[in-house]
Amino acid sequence: MAARRRAGTALHARRTRGARPPHLCRGMVSAGGGRRRGEAPRAAVERELREEIGLTSYSAIERVATGEPGLAVFLLRDVRYRPRRSLEIAEIVACDPAALPASASPRLRRLLCMVGAVPT
């Protein structure tokens, strides 16, 4: 999942130490997570973002082709959120995808390339 607060800005999250799975939670990551049994991918993204960053609204959502079976990546535009306490998220950061913090994970960089936010 990639969320865009406004044109040129992407939202990222720093997970807490207890977040699972640990190998996907190192450094700055994209908020989102897994699907529940029978849950549609889009519904899962919306639920995860409500839980993790306090998503309140967005103007558009589009699924991005990844070429990876089982991986659903969505780009949400003009995201509005109300940060709240989370057991999984320690911090939410809005920044230019082309100027990611040094703590950005390789997985986050790869996801941003998939949605066209940064050049490959």
PDB file of N, CA and C in Angstrom:
ATOM      1  N   MET A   1       0.838  -1.160   0.000  1.00  0.00           N
ATOM      2  CA  MET A   1       0.000   0.000   0.000  1.00  0.00           C
ATOM      3  C   MET A   1       0.882   1.221   0.000  1.00  0.00           C
ATOM      4  N   ALA A   2       0.492   2.204  -0.752  1.00  0.00           N
ATOM      5  CA  ALA A   2       1.159   3.492  -0.713  1.00  0.00           C
ATOM      6  C   ALA A   2       0.079   4.548  -0.566  1.00  0.00           C
ATOM      7  N   ALA A   3       0.256   5.439   0.346  1.00  0.00           N
ATOM      8  CA  ALA A   3      -0.729   6.487   0.575  1.00  0.00           C
ATOM      9  C   ALA A   3      -0.093   7.832   0.281  1.00  0.00           C
ATOM     10  N   ARG A   4      -0.838   8.670  -0.393  1.00  0.00           N
ATOM     11  CA  ARG A   4      -0.345   9.987  -0.747  1.00  0.00           C
ATOM     12  C   ARG A   4      -1.179  11.025  -0.032  1.00  0.00           C
ATOM     13  N   ARG A   5      -0.556  11.811   0.801  1.00  0.00           N
ATOM     14  CA  ARG A   5      -1.271  12.856   1.542  1.00  0.00           C
ATOM     15  C   ARG A   5      -1.688  13.970   0.593  1.00  0.00           C
ATOM     16  N   ARG A   6      -0.796  14.379  -0.252  1.00  0.00           N
ATOM     17  CA  ARG A   6      -1.064  15.358  -1.310  1.00  0.00           C
ATOM     18  C   ARG A   6       0.003  15.126  -2.381  1.00  0.00           C
ATOM     19  N   ALA A   7      -0.169  15.729  -3.525  1.00  0.00           N
ATOM     20  CA  ALA A   7       0.772  15.502  -4.623  1.00  0.00           C
ATOM     21  C   ALA A   7       2.209  15.715  -4.144  1.00  0.00           C
ATOM     22  N   GLY A   8       3.056  14.758  -4.418  1.00  0.00           N
ATOM     23  CA  GLY A   8       4.464  14.868  -4.063  1.00  0.00           C
ATOM     24  C   GLY A   8       4.800  14.443  -2.645  1.00  0.00           C
ATOM     25  N   THR A   9       3.829  13.973  -1.888  1.00  0.00           N
ATOM     26  CA  THR A   9       4.084  13.551  -0.508  1.00  0.00           C
ATOM     27  C   THR A   9       3.525  12.156  -0.292  1.00  0.00           C
ATOM     28  N   ALA A  10       4.309  11.294   0.312  1.00  0.00           N
ATOM     29  CA  ALA A  10       3.860   9.932   0.613  1.00  0.00           C
ATOM     30  C   ALA A  10       3.918   9.713   2.121  1.00  0.00           C
ATOM     31  N   LEU A  11       3.013   8.874   2.617  1.00  0.00           N
ATOM     32  CA  LEU A  11       2.985   8.536   4.034  1.00  0.00           C
ATOM     33  C   LEU A  11       3.727   7.227   4.262  1.00  0.00           C
ATOM     34  N   HIS A  12       4.531   7.210   5.297  1.00  0.00           N
ATOM     35  CA  HIS A  12       5.281   6.022   5.673  1.00  0.00           C
ATOM     36  C   HIS A  12       5.122   5.824   7.174  1.00  0.00           C
ATOM     37  N   ALA A  13       5.453   4.653   7.644  1.00  0.00           N
ATOM     38  CA  ALA A  13       5.304   4.350   9.061  1.00  0.00           C
ATOM     39  C   ALA A  13       6.563   3.695   9.602  1.00  0.00           C
ATOM     40  N   ARG A  14       6.831   3.985  10.857  1.00  0.00           N
ATOM     41  CA  ARG A  14       7.884   3.265  11.569  1.00  0.00           C
ATOM     42  C   ARG A  14       7.162   2.348  12.538  1.00  0.00           C
ATOM     43  N   ARG A  15       7.366   1.070  12.388  1.00  0.00           N
ATOM     44  CA  ARG A  15       6.661   0.077  13.205  1.00  0.00           C
ATOM     45  C   ARG A  15       7.282  -0.021  14.599  1.00  0.00           C
ATOM     46  N   THR A  16       6.470  -0.472  15.534  1.00  0.00           N
ATOM     47  CA  THR A  16       6.966  -0.685  16.888  1.00  0.00           C
ATOM     48  C   THR A  16       7.831  -1.936  16.924  1.00  0.00           C
ATOM     49  N   ARG A  17       8.573  -2.100  17.987  1.00  0.00           N
ATOM     50  CA  ARG A  17       9.454  -3.269  18.117  1.00  0.00           C
ATOM     51  C   ARG A  17       8.693  -4.584  18.112  1.00  0.00           C
ATOM     52  N   GLY A  18       7.456  -4.578  18.618  1.00  0.00           N
ATOM     53  CA  GLY A  18       6.691  -5.810  18.714  1.00  0.00           C
ATOM     54  C   GLY A  18       5.908  -6.175  17.467  1.00  0.00           C
ATOM     55  N   ALA A  19       5.961  -5.341  16.429  1.00  0.00           N
ATOM     56  CA  ALA A  19       5.191  -5.596  15.203  1.00  0.00           C
ATOM     57  C   ALA A  19       5.682  -6.862  14.519  1.00  0.00           C
ATOM     58  N   ARG A  20       4.771  -7.531  13.867  1.00  0.00           N
ATOM     59  CA  ARG A  20       5.078  -8.782  13.179  1.00  0.00           C
ATOM     60  C   ARG A  20       4.710  -8.675  11.716  1.00  0.00           C
ATOM     61  N   PRO A  21       5.344  -9.385  10.811  1.00  0.00           N
ATOM     62  CA  PRO A  21       6.549 -10.176  11.015  1.00  0.00           C
ATOM     63  C   PRO A  21       7.777  -9.278  11.080  1.00  0.00           C
ATOM     64  N   PRO A  22       8.714  -9.554  11.975  1.00  0.00           N
ATOM     65  CA  PRO A  22       9.845  -8.657  12.208  1.00  0.00           C
ATOM     66  C   PRO A  22      10.677  -8.366  10.968  1.00  0.00           C
ATOM     67  N   HIS A  23      10.854  -9.358  10.084  1.00  0.00           N
ATOM     68  CA  HIS A  23      11.708  -9.144   8.908  1.00  0.00           C
ATOM     69  C   HIS A  23      11.106  -8.124   7.932  1.00  0.00           C
ATOM     70  N   LEU A  24       9.814  -7.844   8.031  1.00  0.00           N
ATOM     71  CA  LEU A  24       9.188  -6.847   7.160  1.00  0.00           C
ATOM     72  C   LEU A  24       9.008  -5.514   7.864  1.00  0.00           C
ATOM     73  N   CYS A  25       9.457  -5.408   9.101  1.00  0.00           N
ATOM     74  CA  CYS A  25       9.168  -4.230   9.913  1.00  0.00           C
ATOM     75  C   CYS A  25      10.402  -3.417  10.261  1.00  0.00           C
ATOM     76  N   ARG A  26      11.514  -3.677   9.624  1.00  0.00           N
ATOM     77  CA  ARG A  26      12.729  -2.930   9.934  1.00  0.00           C
ATOM     78  C   ARG A  26      12.743  -1.606   9.188  1.00  0.00           C
ATOM     79  N   GLY A  27      13.008  -0.539   9.905  1.00  0.00           N
ATOM     80  CA  GLY A  27      13.096   0.774   9.294  1.00  0.00           C
ATOM     81  C   GLY A  27      11.725   1.329   8.933  1.00  0.00           C
ATOM     82  N   MET A  28      11.720   2.356   8.119  1.00  0.00           N
ATOM     83  CA  MET A  28      10.489   3.002   7.682  1.00  0.00           C
ATOM     84  C   MET A  28       9.833   2.115   6.633  1.00  0.00           C
ATOM     85  N   VAL A  29       8.539   1.860   6.789  1.00  0.00           N
ATOM     86  CA  VAL A  29       7.812   0.957   5.897  1.00  0.00           C
ATOM     87  C   VAL A  29       6.527   1.617   5.418  1.00  0.00           C
ATOM     88  N   SER A  30       5.842   0.946   4.518  1.00  0.00           N
ATOM     89  CA  SER A  30       4.529   1.391   4.080  1.00  0.00           C
ATOM     90  C   SER A  30       3.500   0.768   5.012  1.00  0.00           C
ATOM     91  N   ALA A  31       2.532   1.557   5.444  1.00  0.00           N
ATOM     92  CA  ALA A  31       1.475   1.010   6.299  1.00  0.00           C
ATOM     93  C   ALA A  31       0.646   0.034   5.478  1.00  0.00           C
ATOM     94  N   GLY A  32       0.004  -0.873   6.136  1.00  0.00           N
ATOM     95  CA  GLY A  32      -0.810  -1.878   5.463  1.00  0.00           C
ATOM     96  C   GLY A  32      -0.586  -3.223   6.114  1.00  0.00           C
ATOM     97  N   GLY A  33      -1.120  -4.251   5.539  1.00  0.00           N
ATOM     98  CA  GLY A  33      -0.948  -5.560   6.154  1.00  0.00           C
ATOM     99  C   GLY A  33      -1.689  -6.636   5.404  1.00  0.00           C
ATOM    100  N   GLY A  34      -2.023  -7.684   6.127  1.00  0.00           N
ATOM    101  CA  GLY A  34      -2.619  -8.848   5.512  1.00  0.00           C
ATOM    102  C   GLY A  34      -4.131  -8.804   5.422  1.00  0.00           C
ATOM    103  N   ARG A  35      -4.641  -9.747   4.638  1.00  0.00           N
ATOM    104  CA  ARG A  35      -6.089  -9.889   4.476  1.00  0.00           C
ATOM    105  C   ARG A  35      -6.618 -10.948   5.416  1.00  0.00           C
ATOM    106  N   ARG A  36      -7.836 -10.731   5.845  1.00  0.00           N
ATOM    107  CA  ARG A  36      -8.542 -11.750   6.618  1.00  0.00           C
ATOM    108  C   ARG A  36      -9.188 -12.715   5.641  1.00  0.00           C
ATOM    109  N   ARG A  37      -9.485 -13.903   6.113  1.00  0.00           N
ATOM    110  CA  ARG A  37     -10.121 -14.910   5.259  1.00  0.00           C
ATOM    111  C   ARG A  37     -11.390 -14.341   4.636  1.00  0.00           C
ATOM    112  N   GLY A  38     -11.477 -14.424   3.303  1.00  0.00           N
ATOM    113  CA  GLY A  38     -12.652 -13.965   2.585  1.00  0.00           C
ATOM    114  C   GLY A  38     -12.721 -12.462   2.362  1.00  0.00           C
ATOM    115  N   GLU A  39     -11.725 -11.722   2.844  1.00  0.00           N
ATOM    116  CA  GLU A  39     -11.738 -10.262   2.715  1.00  0.00           C
ATOM    117  C   GLU A  39     -11.163  -9.856   1.356  1.00  0.00           C
ATOM    118  N   ALA A  40     -11.830  -8.928   0.689  1.00  0.00           N
ATOM    119  CA  ALA A  40     -11.336  -8.423  -0.594  1.00  0.00           C
ATOM    120  C   ALA A  40     -10.085  -7.567  -0.349  1.00  0.00           C
ATOM    121  N   PRO A  41      -9.141  -7.562  -1.311  1.00  0.00           N
ATOM    122  CA  PRO A  41      -7.914  -6.784  -1.131  1.00  0.00           C
ATOM    123  C   PRO A  41      -8.164  -5.311  -0.803  1.00  0.00           C
ATOM    124  N   ARG A  42      -9.072  -4.678  -1.522  1.00  0.00           N
ATOM    125  CA  ARG A  42      -9.340  -3.250  -1.270  1.00  0.00           C
ATOM    126  C   ARG A  42      -9.901  -3.041   0.139  1.00  0.00           C
ATOM    127  N   ALA A  43     -10.809  -3.902   0.564  1.00  0.00           N
ATOM    128  CA  ALA A  43     -11.373  -3.794   1.913  1.00  0.00           C
ATOM    129  C   ALA A  43     -10.281  -3.978   2.963  1.00  0.00           C
ATOM    130  N   ALA A  44      -9.328  -4.876   2.693  1.00  0.00           N
ATOM    131  CA  ALA A  44      -8.225  -5.115   3.630  1.00  0.00           C
ATOM    132  C   ALA A  44      -7.348  -3.876   3.765  1.00  0.00           C
ATOM    133  N   VAL A  45      -7.049  -3.221   2.645  1.00  0.00           N
ATOM    134  CA  VAL A  45      -6.228  -2.002   2.681  1.00  0.00           C
ATOM    135  C   VAL A  45      -6.925  -0.920   3.496  1.00  0.00           C
ATOM    136  N   GLU A  46      -8.198  -0.723   3.230  1.00  0.00           N
ATOM    137  CA  GLU A  46      -8.942   0.304   3.967  1.00  0.00           C
ATOM    138  C   GLU A  46      -8.977  -0.005   5.465  1.00  0.00           C
ATOM    139  N   ARG A  47      -9.226  -1.262   5.820  1.00  0.00           N
ATOM    140  CA  ARG A  47      -9.274  -1.653   7.233  1.00  0.00           C
ATOM    141  C   ARG A  47      -7.914  -1.453   7.890  1.00  0.00           C
ATOM    142  N   GLU A  48      -6.856  -1.939   7.247  1.00  0.00           N
ATOM    143  CA  GLU A  48      -5.516  -1.812   7.815  1.00  0.00           C
ATOM    144  C   GLU A  48      -5.139  -0.352   8.037  1.00  0.00           C
ATOM    145  N   LEU A  49      -5.478   0.513   7.084  1.00  0.00           N
ATOM    146  CA  LEU A  49      -5.125   1.918   7.234  1.00  0.00           C
ATOM    147  C   LEU A  49      -5.954   2.609   8.316  1.00  0.00           C
ATOM    148  N   ARG A  50      -7.204   2.207   8.458  1.00  0.00           N
ATOM    149  CA  ARG A  50      -7.994   2.747   9.576  1.00  0.00           C
ATOM    150  C   ARG A  50      -7.353   2.349  10.902  1.00  0.00           C
ATOM    151  N   GLU A  51      -6.939   1.083  10.994  1.00  0.00           N
ATOM    152  CA  GLU A  51      -6.339   0.586  12.229  1.00  0.00           C
ATOM    153  C   GLU A  51      -4.964   1.189  12.496  1.00  0.00           C
ATOM    154  N   GLU A  52      -4.142   1.299  11.465  1.00  0.00           N
ATOM    155  CA  GLU A  52      -2.748   1.676  11.662  1.00  0.00           C
ATOM    156  C   GLU A  52      -2.484   3.177  11.666  1.00  0.00           C
ATOM    157  N   ILE A  53      -3.118   3.928  10.792  1.00  0.00           N
ATOM    158  CA  ILE A  53      -2.836   5.370  10.755  1.00  0.00           C
ATOM    159  C   ILE A  53      -4.055   6.231  11.057  1.00  0.00           C
ATOM    160  N   GLY A  54      -5.215   5.620  11.271  1.00  0.00           N
ATOM    161  CA  GLY A  54      -6.421   6.398  11.536  1.00  0.00           C
ATOM    162  C   GLY A  54      -7.004   7.013  10.278  1.00  0.00           C
ATOM    163  N   LEU A  55      -6.941   6.274   9.145  1.00  0.00           N
ATOM    164  CA  LEU A  55      -7.492   6.754   7.874  1.00  0.00           C
ATOM    165  C   LEU A  55      -8.931   7.234   8.065  1.00  0.00           C
ATOM    166  N   THR A  56      -9.220   8.445   7.580  1.00  0.00           N
ATOM    167  CA  THR A  56     -10.594   8.948   7.639  1.00  0.00           C
ATOM    168  C   THR A  56     -11.191   9.094   6.249  1.00  0.00           C
ATOM    169  N   SER A  57     -10.372   9.420   5.227  1.00  0.00           N
ATOM    170  CA  SER A  57     -10.895   9.539   3.868  1.00  0.00           C
ATOM    171  C   SER A  57      -9.749   9.576   2.852  1.00  0.00           C
ATOM    172  N   TYR A  58     -10.127   9.426   1.594  1.00  0.00           N
ATOM    173  CA  TYR A  58      -9.190   9.565   0.479  1.00  0.00           C
ATOM    174  C   TYR A  58     -10.022   9.910  -0.752  1.00  0.00           C
ATOM    175  N   SER A  59      -9.378  10.480  -1.776  1.00  0.00           N
ATOM    176  CA  SER A  59     -10.134  10.900  -2.960  1.00  0.00           C
ATOM    177  C   SER A  59     -10.196   9.819  -4.033  1.00  0.00           C
ATOM    178  N   ALA A  60      -9.196   8.951  -4.103  1.00  0.00           N
ATOM    179  CA  ALA A  60      -9.169   7.908  -5.132  1.00  0.00           C
ATOM    180  C   ALA A  60      -8.285   6.765  -4.663  1.00  0.00           C
ATOM    181  N   ILE A  61      -8.582   5.575  -5.182  1.00  0.00           N
ATOM    182  CA  ILE A  61      -7.761   4.400  -4.889  1.00  0.00           C
ATOM    183  C   ILE A  61      -7.589   3.624  -6.186  1.00  0.00           C
ATOM    184  N   GLU A  62      -6.372   3.162  -6.428  1.00  0.00           N
ATOM    185  CA  GLU A  62      -6.136   2.352  -7.621  1.00  0.00           C
ATOM    186  C   GLU A  62      -5.202   1.201  -7.274  1.00  0.00           C
ATOM    187  N   ARG A  63      -5.512   0.044  -7.837  1.00  0.00           N
ATOM    188  CA  ARG A  63      -4.656  -1.120  -7.637  1.00  0.00           C
ATOM    189  C   ARG A  63      -3.513  -1.041  -8.630  1.00  0.00           C
ATOM    190  N   VAL A  64      -2.314  -1.338  -8.169  1.00  0.00           N
ATOM    191  CA  VAL A  64      -1.117  -1.253  -8.997  1.00  0.00           C
ATOM    192  C   VAL A  64      -0.654  -2.661  -9.353  1.00  0.00           C
ATOM    193  N   ALA A  65      -0.394  -2.893 -10.618  1.00  0.00           N
ATOM    194  CA  ALA A  65       0.108  -4.199 -11.061  1.00  0.00           C
ATOM    195  C   ALA A  65       1.526  -4.378 -10.533  1.00  0.00           C
ATOM    196  N   THR A  66       1.771  -5.506  -9.863  1.00  0.00           N
ATOM    197  CA  THR A  66       3.088  -5.747  -9.280  1.00  0.00           C
ATOM    198  C   THR A  66       3.856  -6.842  -9.990  1.00  0.00           C
ATOM    199  N   GLY A  67       3.148  -7.737 -10.667  1.00  0.00           N
ATOM    200  CA  GLY A  67       3.813  -8.871 -11.280  1.00  0.00           C
ATOM    201  C   GLY A  67       4.181  -9.945 -10.267  1.00  0.00           C
ATOM    202  N   GLU A  68       3.765  -9.759  -9.015  1.00  0.00           N
ATOM    203  CA  GLU A  68       4.055 -10.727  -7.968  1.00  0.00           C
ATOM    204  C   GLU A  68       2.753 -11.359  -7.492  1.00  0.00           C
ATOM    205  N   PRO A  69       2.579 -12.669  -7.701  1.00  0.00           N
ATOM    206  CA  PRO A  69       1.352 -13.337  -7.257  1.00  0.00           C
ATOM    207  C   PRO A  69       1.155 -13.172  -5.748  1.00  0.00           C
ATOM    208  N   GLY A  70      -0.069 -12.874  -5.366  1.00  0.00           N
ATOM    209  CA  GLY A  70      -0.401 -12.749  -3.952  1.00  0.00           C
ATOM    210  C   GLY A  70      -0.103 -11.393  -3.339  1.00  0.00           C
ATOM    211  N   LEU A  71       0.551 -10.495  -4.074  1.00  0.00           N
ATOM    212  CA  LEU A  71       0.865  -9.171  -3.546  1.00  0.00           C
ATOM    213  C   LEU A  71      -0.103  -8.159  -4.146  1.00  0.00           C
ATOM    214  N   ALA A  72      -0.907  -7.535  -3.300  1.00  0.00           N
ATOM    215  CA  ALA A  72      -1.843  -6.501  -3.742  1.00  0.00           C
ATOM    216  C   ALA A  72      -1.336  -5.152  -3.245  1.00  0.00           C
ATOM    217  N   VAL A  73      -1.034  -4.264  -4.166  1.00  0.00           N
ATOM    218  CA  VAL A  73      -0.542  -2.933  -3.824  1.00  0.00           C
ATOM    219  C   VAL A  73      -1.545  -1.926  -4.351  1.00  0.00           C
ATOM    220  N   PHE A  74      -1.921  -0.994  -3.493  1.00  0.00           N
ATOM    221  CA  PHE A  74      -2.869   0.052  -3.847  1.00  0.00           C
ATOM    222  C   PHE A  74      -2.238   1.407  -3.615  1.00  0.00           C
ATOM    223  N   LEU A  75      -2.600   2.365  -4.443  1.00  0.00           N
ATOM    224  CA  LEU A  75      -2.192   3.752  -4.274  1.00  0.00           C
ATOM    225  C   LEU A  75      -3.441   4.536  -3.906  1.00  0.00           C
ATOM    226  N   LEU A  76      -3.411   5.189  -2.760  1.00  0.00           N
ATOM    227  CA  LEU A  76      -4.516   6.041  -2.322  1.00  0.00           C
ATOM    228  C   LEU A  76      -4.078   7.487  -2.474  1.00  0.00           C
ATOM    229  N   ARG A  77      -4.950   8.303  -2.996  1.00  0.00           N
ATOM    230  CA  ARG A  77      -4.613   9.706  -3.236  1.00  0.00           C
ATOM    231  C   ARG A  77      -5.354  10.619  -2.256  1.00  0.00           C
ATOM    232  N   ASP A  78      -4.686  11.716  -1.919  1.00  0.00           N
ATOM    233  CA  ASP A  78      -5.260  12.750  -1.048  1.00  0.00           C
ATOM    234  C   ASP A  78      -5.819  12.151   0.239  1.00  0.00           C
ATOM    235  N   VAL A  79      -4.971  11.440   0.929  1.00  0.00           N
ATOM    236  CA  VAL A  79      -5.344  10.748   2.162  1.00  0.00           C
ATOM    237  C   VAL A  79      -5.504  11.741   3.314  1.00  0.00           C
ATOM    238  N   ARG A  80      -6.556  11.536   4.053  1.00  0.00           N
ATOM    239  CA  ARG A  80      -6.757  12.273   5.309  1.00  0.00           C
ATOM    240  C   ARG A  80      -6.761  11.226   6.416  1.00  0.00           C
ATOM    241  N   TYR A  81      -6.090  11.555   7.487  1.00  0.00           N
ATOM    242  CA  TYR A  81      -5.994  10.608   8.588  1.00  0.00           C
ATOM    243  C   TYR A  81      -5.882  11.354   9.903  1.00  0.00           C
ATOM    244  N   ARG A  82      -6.190  10.649  10.942  1.00  0.00           N
ATOM    245  CA  ARG A  82      -6.107  11.189  12.294  1.00  0.00           C
ATOM    246  C   ARG A  82      -5.256  10.198  13.087  1.00  0.00           C
ATOM    247  N   PRO A  83      -3.951  10.501  13.234  1.00  0.00           N
ATOM    248  CA  PRO A  83      -3.075   9.551  13.931  1.00  0.00           C
ATOM    249  C   PRO A  83      -3.624   9.185  15.304  1.00  0.00           C
ATOM    250  N   ARG A  84      -3.450   7.925  15.633  1.00  0.00           N
ATOM    251  CA  ARG A  84      -3.903   7.463  16.939  1.00  0.00           C
ATOM    252  C   ARG A  84      -2.922   6.435  17.464  1.00  0.00           C
ATOM    253  N   ARG A  85      -3.044   6.137  18.722  1.00  0.00           N
ATOM    254  CA  ARG A  85      -2.147   5.150  19.325  1.00  0.00           C
ATOM    255  C   ARG A  85      -2.338   3.808  18.634  1.00  0.00           C
ATOM    256  N   SER A  86      -1.250   3.146  18.391  1.00  0.00           N
ATOM    257  CA  SER A  86      -1.288   1.858  17.715  1.00  0.00           C
ATOM    258  C   SER A  86      -0.246   0.938  18.327  1.00  0.00           C
ATOM    259  N   LEU A  87      -0.582  -0.326  18.443  1.00  0.00           N
ATOM    260  CA  LEU A  87       0.390  -1.301  18.934  1.00  0.00           C
ATOM    261  C   LEU A  87       1.437  -1.613  17.871  1.00  0.00           C
ATOM    262  N   GLU A  88       1.125  -1.298  16.614  1.00  0.00           N
ATOM    263  CA  GLU A  88       2.028  -1.636  15.515  1.00  0.00           C
ATOM    264  C   GLU A  88       2.820  -0.449  14.981  1.00  0.00           C
ATOM    265  N   ILE A  89       2.254   0.760  15.064  1.00  0.00           N
ATOM    266  CA  ILE A  89       2.880   1.927  14.443  1.00  0.00           C
ATOM    267  C   ILE A  89       3.408   2.878  15.509  1.00  0.00           C
ATOM    268  N   ALA A  90       4.703   3.167  15.454  1.00  0.00           N
ATOM    269  CA  ALA A  90       5.320   4.085  16.406  1.00  0.00           C
ATOM    270  C   ALA A  90       5.266   5.522  15.902  1.00  0.00           C
ATOM    271  N   GLU A  91       5.293   5.700  14.575  1.00  0.00           N
ATOM    272  CA  GLU A  91       5.364   7.047  14.008  1.00  0.00           C
ATOM    273  C   GLU A  91       4.868   7.018  12.559  1.00  0.00           C
ATOM    274  N   ILE A  92       4.190   8.080  12.143  1.00  0.00           N
ATOM    275  CA  ILE A  92       3.771   8.249  10.752  1.00  0.00           C
ATOM    276  C   ILE A  92       4.540   9.447  10.204  1.00  0.00           C
ATOM    277  N   VAL A  93       5.143   9.271   9.045  1.00  0.00           N
ATOM    278  CA  VAL A  93       5.970  10.311   8.454  1.00  0.00           C
ATOM    279  C   VAL A  93       5.448  10.634   7.060  1.00  0.00           C
ATOM    280  N   ALA A  94       5.260  11.913   6.770  1.00  0.00           N
ATOM    281  CA  ALA A  94       4.891  12.362   5.427  1.00  0.00           C
ATOM    282  C   ALA A  94       6.123  13.038   4.826  1.00  0.00           C
ATOM    283  N   CYS A  95       6.574  12.519   3.682  1.00  0.00           N
ATOM    284  CA  CYS A  95       7.749  13.118   3.052  1.00  0.00           C
ATOM    285  C   CYS A  95       7.708  12.885   1.545  1.00  0.00           C
ATOM    286  N   ASP A  96       8.553  13.595   0.861  1.00  0.00           N
ATOM    287  CA  ASP A  96       8.702  13.441  -0.583  1.00  0.00           C
ATOM    288  C   ASP A  96       9.330  12.067  -0.835  1.00  0.00           C
ATOM    289  N   PRO A  97       8.696  11.226  -1.670  1.00  0.00           N
ATOM    290  CA  PRO A  97       9.262   9.898  -1.935  1.00  0.00           C
ATOM    291  C   PRO A  97      10.666   9.937  -2.521  1.00  0.00           C
ATOM    292  N   ALA A  98      11.016  11.031  -3.197  1.00  0.00           N
ATOM    293  CA  ALA A  98      12.350  11.151  -3.774  1.00  0.00           C
ATOM    294  C   ALA A  98      13.395  11.527  -2.722  1.00  0.00           C
ATOM    295  N   ALA A  99      12.948  11.875  -1.517  1.00  0.00           N
ATOM    296  CA  ALA A  99      13.862  12.263  -0.441  1.00  0.00           C
ATOM    297  C   ALA A  99      13.529  11.468   0.821  1.00  0.00           C
ATOM    298  N   LEU A 100      13.533  10.151   0.693  1.00  0.00           N
ATOM    299  CA  LEU A 100      13.186   9.284   1.820  1.00  0.00           C
ATOM    300  C   LEU A 100      14.224   9.384   2.925  1.00  0.00           C
ATOM    301  N   PRO A 101      13.790   9.199   4.167  1.00  0.00           N
ATOM    302  CA  PRO A 101      14.762   9.172   5.255  1.00  0.00           C
ATOM    303  C   PRO A 101      15.694   7.974   5.103  1.00  0.00           C
ATOM    304  N   ALA A 102      16.874   8.068   5.683  1.00  0.00           N
ATOM    305  CA  ALA A 102      17.851   6.973   5.597  1.00  0.00           C
ATOM    306  C   ALA A 102      17.286   5.676   6.172  1.00  0.00           C
ATOM    307  N   SER A 103      16.323   5.786   7.075  1.00  0.00           N
ATOM    308  CA  SER A 103      15.755   4.599   7.717  1.00  0.00           C
ATOM    309  C   SER A 103      14.719   3.881   6.845  1.00  0.00           C
ATOM    310  N   ALA A 104      14.465   4.382   5.637  1.00  0.00           N
ATOM    311  CA  ALA A 104      13.490   3.725   4.743  1.00  0.00           C
ATOM    312  C   ALA A 104      13.978   2.326   4.390  1.00  0.00           C
ATOM    313  N   SER A 105      13.082   1.364   4.530  1.00  0.00           N
ATOM    314  CA  SER A 105      13.452  -0.032   4.262  1.00  0.00           C
ATOM    315  C   SER A 105      13.557  -0.284   2.758  1.00  0.00           C
ATOM    316  N   PRO A 106      14.332  -1.296   2.365  1.00  0.00           N
ATOM    317  CA  PRO A 106      14.397  -1.669   0.951  1.00  0.00           C
ATOM    318  C   PRO A 106      13.018  -2.033   0.401  1.00  0.00           C
ATOM    319  N   ARG A 107      12.185  -2.657   1.222  1.00  0.00           N
ATOM    320  CA  ARG A 107      10.829  -3.024   0.798  1.00  0.00           C
ATOM    321  C   ARG A 107       9.999  -1.776   0.484  1.00  0.00           C
ATOM    322  N   LEU A 108      10.117  -0.745   1.308  1.00  0.00           N
ATOM    323  CA  LEU A 108       9.393   0.507   1.050  1.00  0.00           C
ATOM    324  C   LEU A 108       9.879   1.126  -0.258  1.00  0.00           C
ATOM    325  N   ARG A 109      11.157   1.159  -0.482  1.00  0.00           N
ATOM    326  CA  ARG A 109      11.699   1.730  -1.720  1.00  0.00           C
ATOM    327  C   ARG A 109      11.172   0.962  -2.937  1.00  0.00           C
ATOM    328  N   ARG A 110      11.113  -0.370  -2.822  1.00  0.00           N
ATOM    329  CA  ARG A 110      10.591  -1.201  -3.922  1.00  0.00           C
ATOM    330  C   ARG A 110       9.114  -0.916  -4.172  1.00  0.00           C
ATOM    331  N   LEU A 111       8.307  -0.785  -3.107  1.00  0.00           N
ATOM    332  CA  LEU A 111       6.883  -0.474  -3.276  1.00  0.00           C
ATOM    333  C   LEU A 111       6.682   0.885  -3.932  1.00  0.00           C
ATOM    334  N   LEU A 112       7.480   1.856  -3.557  1.00  0.00           N
ATOM    335  CA  LEU A 112       7.352   3.187  -4.163  1.00  0.00           C
ATOM    336  C   LEU A 112       7.723   3.154  -5.647  1.00  0.00           C
ATOM    337  N   CYS A 113       8.664   2.317  -6.025  1.00  0.00           N
ATOM    338  CA  CYS A 113       8.971   2.135  -7.453  1.00  0.00           C
ATOM    339  C   CYS A 113       7.785   1.513  -8.177  1.00  0.00           C
ATOM    340  N   MET A 114       7.117   0.525  -7.534  1.00  0.00           N
ATOM    341  CA  MET A 114       5.966  -0.137  -8.151  1.00  0.00           C
ATOM    342  C   MET A 114       4.839   0.838  -8.457  1.00  0.00           C
ATOM    343  N   VAL A 115       4.613   1.803  -7.576  1.00  0.00           N
ATOM    344  CA  VAL A 115       3.515   2.750  -7.795  1.00  0.00           C
ATOM    345  C   VAL A 115       3.972   3.970  -8.597  1.00  0.00           C
ATOM    346  N   GLY A 116       5.225   3.993  -9.029  1.00  0.00           N
ATOM    347  CA  GLY A 116       5.708   5.080  -9.854  1.00  0.00           C
ATOM    348  C   GLY A 116       6.039   6.342  -9.096  1.00  0.00           C
ATOM    349  N   ALA A 117       6.192   6.239  -7.781  1.00  0.00           N
ATOM    350  CA  ALA A 117       6.497   7.432  -6.969  1.00  0.00           C
ATOM    351  C   ALA A 117       7.961   7.832  -7.049  1.00  0.00           C
ATOM    352  N   VAL A 118       8.813   6.849  -7.345  1.00  0.00           N
ATOM    353  CA  VAL A 118      10.245   7.122  -7.503  1.00  0.00           C
ATOM    354  C   VAL A 118      10.721   6.322  -8.706  1.00  0.00           C
ATOM    355  N   PRO A 119      11.746   6.801  -9.398  1.00  0.00           N
ATOM    356  CA  PRO A 119      12.247   6.052 -10.551  1.00  0.00           C
ATOM    357  C   PRO A 119      12.911   4.757 -10.117  1.00  0.00           C
ATOM    358  N   THR A 120      12.872   3.767 -11.009  1.00  0.00           N
ATOM    359  CA  THR A 120      13.506   2.474 -10.695  1.00  0.00           C
ATOM    360  C   THR A 120      14.989   2.536 -10.864  1.00  0.00           C
TER     361      THR A 120
END
